[in-house]
Amino acid sequence: MTSVEEPARPNGRIRDAARTKAEILDVATHEFARAGYDGARVDEIAARTRTTKRMIYYYFGGKEQLFTAVLERSYGVIREAERGLDVEHLDPVAAIRRLAELTFDHHEQHPEFIRLVSIENIHGAEHIAASEKLGKIGSPALDVIRRILEAGQKSGLFTADVDAVDLHAMISSFCFFRVANRHTFGALFGRDLVAPARREHYRTMLGDMVIAYLTAERAAD
């Protein structure tokens, strides 16, 4: 793509680049989550910010790069929460429950993240695969899970030989399904999975499932 020169700033006012980019990302996150990658329009994003389409291209390069930046920031939020998780003082059972609750709370509080991930899956994760930043971001949760599993197995609390990635997928799948499939599940079964009255029920249920899996006796192969 041909480089875009920085547009002249109206009335000589100096824009705060970080604030402008953050505002663009806020609006773009909402628009991509609402309309999908194909349905979102840079014109609409520009119209809802205090900037121009030309400025968006200057900062991000184009729609594809803007969507990638939205994904990078969205994944960054949960990765930062995972990095800040302090469970070293907890016993393995309490620690793994706390990790599961972190994912549960994040997914519930960020439904736009669920939609963005669903959209990226429709596109075969092509933006994530092409992102150098996302390729390096990993998941701090995996390191935490590995330490918890090791401590649980050494103490005899966890009887199962469980892979950290498998356990991460198990936790994520429940949390993701609860938000992503809320409407279809409700239409089919008449139950709202994110109803406030049942929130603690599902939060506890997630921890119970994980602990049951980690403490279950396995039949010999």
Protein backbone atom coordinates (compact mmCIF):
# COMPACT_ATOMS: atom_id res chain seq x y z
CA MET A 1 0.00 0.00 0.00
CA THR A 2 1.23 3.48 -0.81
CA SER A 3 2.14 5.40 2.32
CA VAL A 4 -0.28 8.09 3.41
CA GLU A 5 1.07 11.43 4.49
CA GLU A 6 -0.14 12.73 7.81
CA PRO A 7 -3.08 15.06 7.14
CA ALA A 8 -2.92 18.68 8.16
CA ARG A 9 -4.42 19.28 11.55
CA PRO A 10 -7.36 21.71 11.64
CA ASN A 11 -6.77 25.11 13.22
CA GLY A 12 -3.17 24.16 13.93
CA ARG A 13 -4.33 21.98 16.82
CA ILE A 14 -1.89 19.26 17.80
CA ARG A 15 -3.64 15.95 18.22
CA ASP A 16 -2.73 13.58 20.97
CA ALA A 17 -1.79 10.61 18.79
CA ALA A 18 -2.20 8.00 21.53
CA ARG A 19 -5.62 9.32 22.51
CA THR A 20 -6.76 9.52 18.89
CA LYS A 21 -5.63 5.97 18.16
CA ALA A 22 -7.33 4.71 21.32
CA GLU A 23 -10.57 6.43 20.33
CA ILE A 24 -10.39 4.92 16.84
CA LEU A 25 -9.81 1.47 18.33
CA ASP A 26 -12.73 1.88 20.74
CA VAL A 27 -15.13 2.73 17.93
CA ALA A 28 -13.64 0.15 15.56
CA THR A 29 -14.01 -2.58 18.19
CA HIS A 30 -17.71 -1.81 18.51
CA GLU A 31 -18.23 -1.56 14.76
CA PHE A 32 -16.39 -4.78 13.85
CA ALA A 33 -18.17 -6.65 16.67
CA ARG A 34 -21.52 -5.29 15.49
CA ALA A 35 -21.18 -5.67 11.72
CA GLY A 36 -18.40 -8.21 11.26
CA TYR A 37 -15.24 -7.70 9.27
CA ASP A 38 -16.96 -7.60 5.90
CA GLY A 39 -19.84 -5.43 7.09
CA ALA A 40 -17.81 -2.84 8.99
CA ARG A 41 -17.01 0.40 7.14
CA VAL A 42 -14.04 2.67 7.76
CA ASP A 43 -16.25 5.61 6.75
CA GLU A 44 -18.64 4.76 9.58
CA ILE A 45 -15.80 4.40 12.07
CA ALA A 46 -14.41 7.79 11.03
CA ALA A 47 -17.85 9.40 11.30
CA ARG A 48 -18.16 8.23 14.89
CA THR A 49 -14.76 9.53 15.96
CA ARG A 50 -13.25 12.98 16.14
CA THR A 51 -11.05 12.21 13.17
CA THR A 52 -11.17 11.41 9.45
CA LYS A 53 -10.90 8.35 7.24
CA ARG A 54 -7.59 9.71 6.02
CA MET A 55 -6.29 9.87 9.59
CA ILE A 56 -7.37 6.27 10.21
CA TYR A 57 -5.39 5.17 7.17
CA TYR A 58 -2.42 7.20 8.38
CA TYR A 59 -2.41 5.50 11.78
CA PHE A 60 -3.34 1.96 10.76
CA GLY A 61 -2.80 1.58 7.02
CA GLY A 62 -6.22 0.22 6.09
CA LYS A 63 -9.23 -1.78 7.18
CA GLU A 64 -7.36 -5.07 7.44
CA GLN A 65 -4.64 -3.58 9.61
CA LEU A 66 -7.24 -1.80 11.73
CA PHE A 67 -9.07 -5.06 12.39
CA THR A 68 -5.78 -6.72 13.30
CA ALA A 69 -5.03 -3.87 15.73
CA VAL A 70 -8.47 -4.35 17.29
CA LEU A 71 -7.76 -8.07 17.77
CA GLU A 72 -4.33 -7.35 19.22
CA ARG A 73 -5.73 -4.95 21.78
CA SER A 74 -8.65 -7.25 22.66
CA TYR A 75 -6.40 -10.24 23.23
CA GLY A 76 -4.02 -7.98 25.13
CA VAL A 77 -6.70 -7.21 27.71
CA ILE A 78 -7.15 -10.81 28.81
CA ARG A 79 -3.44 -11.58 28.57
CA GLU A 80 -2.71 -8.65 30.88
CA ALA A 81 -5.32 -9.93 33.34
CA GLU A 82 -3.70 -13.38 33.22
CA ARG A 83 -0.27 -11.90 33.87
CA GLY A 84 -1.62 -10.09 36.91
CA LEU A 85 -3.22 -13.20 38.39
CA ASP A 86 -1.69 -14.01 41.78
CA VAL A 87 -2.45 -17.57 42.86
CA GLU A 88 0.93 -18.60 44.24
CA HIS A 89 -0.37 -18.36 47.82
CA LEU A 90 -3.37 -20.60 47.11
CA ASP A 91 -3.60 -24.37 47.24
CA PRO A 92 -3.91 -26.00 43.76
CA VAL A 93 -7.69 -26.49 43.95
CA ALA A 94 -8.36 -22.89 44.92
CA ALA A 95 -5.78 -21.68 42.40
CA ILE A 96 -7.33 -23.46 39.43
CA ARG A 97 -10.78 -22.23 40.46
CA ARG A 98 -9.45 -18.67 40.55
CA LEU A 99 -7.98 -19.03 37.07
CA ALA A 100 -11.28 -20.38 35.73
CA GLU A 101 -13.15 -17.52 37.38
CA LEU A 102 -10.83 -15.01 35.72
CA THR A 103 -11.74 -16.31 32.27
CA PHE A 104 -15.43 -16.52 33.24
CA ASP A 105 -15.47 -12.90 34.42
CA HIS A 106 -13.51 -11.57 31.44
CA HIS A 107 -15.70 -13.22 28.81
CA GLU A 108 -18.86 -12.05 30.55
CA GLN A 109 -17.59 -8.48 30.82
CA HIS A 110 -16.28 -8.33 27.22
CA PRO A 111 -18.96 -9.73 24.88
CA GLU A 112 -17.34 -7.79 22.03
CA PHE A 113 -14.25 -10.01 22.48
CA ILE A 114 -16.41 -13.09 21.96
CA ARG A 115 -17.87 -11.65 18.76
CA LEU A 116 -14.46 -10.62 17.44
CA VAL A 117 -13.02 -14.09 18.04
CA SER A 118 -16.05 -15.66 16.33
CA ILE A 119 -15.58 -13.34 13.36
CA GLU A 120 -11.87 -14.14 13.15
CA ASN A 121 -12.66 -17.85 13.17
CA ILE A 122 -15.00 -17.33 10.21
CA HIS A 123 -12.01 -15.81 8.43
CA GLY A 124 -9.78 -18.75 9.28
CA ALA A 125 -7.70 -16.78 11.82
CA GLU A 126 -5.91 -15.11 8.89
CA HIS A 127 -5.39 -11.84 10.74
CA ILE A 128 -4.01 -13.55 13.84
CA ALA A 129 -1.71 -15.72 11.73
CA ALA A 130 -0.34 -12.63 9.99
CA SER A 131 0.14 -10.64 13.20
CA GLU A 132 3.66 -10.69 14.58
CA LYS A 133 2.39 -9.28 17.87
CA LEU A 134 -0.29 -11.94 18.36
CA GLY A 135 2.17 -14.64 17.38
CA LYS A 136 4.31 -13.66 20.36
CA ILE A 137 1.61 -12.82 22.89
CA GLY A 138 0.98 -16.44 23.85
CA SER A 139 -1.14 -17.08 26.91
CA PRO A 140 0.26 -16.36 30.37
CA ALA A 141 -2.54 -18.58 31.65
CA LEU A 142 -0.74 -21.63 30.27
CA ASP A 143 2.30 -21.00 32.46
CA VAL A 144 0.04 -20.55 35.48
CA ILE A 145 -1.89 -23.74 34.64
CA ARG A 146 1.33 -25.73 34.30
CA ARG A 147 2.55 -24.59 37.72
CA ILE A 148 -0.81 -25.35 39.33
CA LEU A 149 -1.01 -28.79 37.71
CA GLU A 150 2.51 -29.63 38.84
CA ALA A 151 1.76 -28.56 42.41
CA GLY A 152 -1.54 -30.44 42.43
CA GLN A 153 0.01 -33.64 41.15
CA LYS A 154 2.93 -33.47 43.57
CA SER A 155 0.55 -32.99 46.50
CA GLY A 156 -1.70 -35.81 45.34
CA LEU A 157 -4.73 -33.53 44.98
CA PHE A 158 -4.85 -33.98 41.21
CA THR A 159 -4.92 -37.58 40.05
CA ALA A 160 -5.19 -36.92 36.33
CA ASP A 161 -2.24 -36.35 34.02
CA VAL A 162 -3.68 -33.33 32.22
CA ASP A 163 -2.20 -31.22 29.44
CA ALA A 164 -2.25 -27.46 30.18
CA VAL A 165 -3.52 -26.56 26.70
CA ASP A 166 -6.36 -29.08 27.00
CA LEU A 167 -7.38 -27.64 30.36
CA HIS A 168 -7.20 -24.10 29.00
CA ALA A 169 -9.48 -25.17 26.13
CA MET A 170 -11.91 -26.77 28.58
CA ILE A 171 -12.19 -23.60 30.66
CA SER A 172 -12.39 -21.30 27.64
CA SER A 173 -14.99 -23.39 25.87
CA PHE A 174 -17.51 -23.14 28.71
CA CYS A 175 -16.93 -19.42 29.20
CA PHE A 176 -17.08 -18.73 25.46
CA PHE A 177 -20.19 -20.84 24.84
CA ARG A 178 -22.08 -19.16 27.67
CA VAL A 179 -21.74 -15.74 26.03
CA ALA A 180 -21.55 -16.62 22.32
CA ASN A 181 -24.54 -18.97 22.35
CA ARG A 182 -26.69 -17.06 24.79
CA HIS A 183 -29.42 -16.18 22.31
CA THR A 184 -29.68 -19.47 20.42
CA PHE A 185 -29.52 -21.47 23.65
CA GLY A 186 -32.23 -19.28 25.15
CA ALA A 187 -34.47 -19.66 22.10
CA LEU A 188 -34.07 -23.45 22.11
CA PHE A 189 -34.17 -24.20 25.83
CA GLY A 190 -35.78 -21.13 27.40
CA ARG A 191 -32.83 -20.36 29.66
CA ASP A 192 -30.64 -17.28 29.63
CA LEU A 193 -27.07 -18.41 30.31
CA VAL A 194 -26.00 -14.91 31.40
CA ALA A 195 -29.01 -14.13 33.60
CA PRO A 196 -27.70 -12.36 36.74
CA ALA A 197 -29.71 -14.66 39.01
CA ARG A 198 -27.82 -17.72 37.75
CA ARG A 199 -24.39 -16.14 37.42
CA GLU A 200 -22.88 -17.60 40.59
CA HIS A 201 -24.41 -20.97 39.77
CA TYR A 202 -22.53 -21.14 36.46
CA ARG A 203 -19.34 -19.64 37.92
CA THR A 204 -19.29 -22.33 40.61
CA MET A 205 -20.31 -25.02 38.13
CA LEU A 206 -17.28 -24.22 35.95
CA GLY A 207 -14.92 -24.68 38.88
CA ASP A 208 -16.67 -27.89 39.91
CA MET A 209 -16.29 -29.34 36.39
CA VAL A 210 -12.60 -28.50 36.25
CA ILE A 211 -11.85 -29.93 39.67
CA ALA A 212 -13.87 -33.08 38.92
CA TYR A 213 -11.82 -33.59 35.75
CA LEU A 214 -8.53 -33.08 37.59
CA THR A 215 -9.41 -35.42 40.44
CA ALA A 216 -11.14 -38.18 38.47
CA GLU A 217 -9.72 -41.67 38.44
CA ARG A 218 -8.66 -42.68 34.92
CA ALA A 219 -9.16 -46.19 33.59
CA ALA A 220 -5.94 -47.87 32.50
CA ASP A 221 -5.36 -47.92 28.73
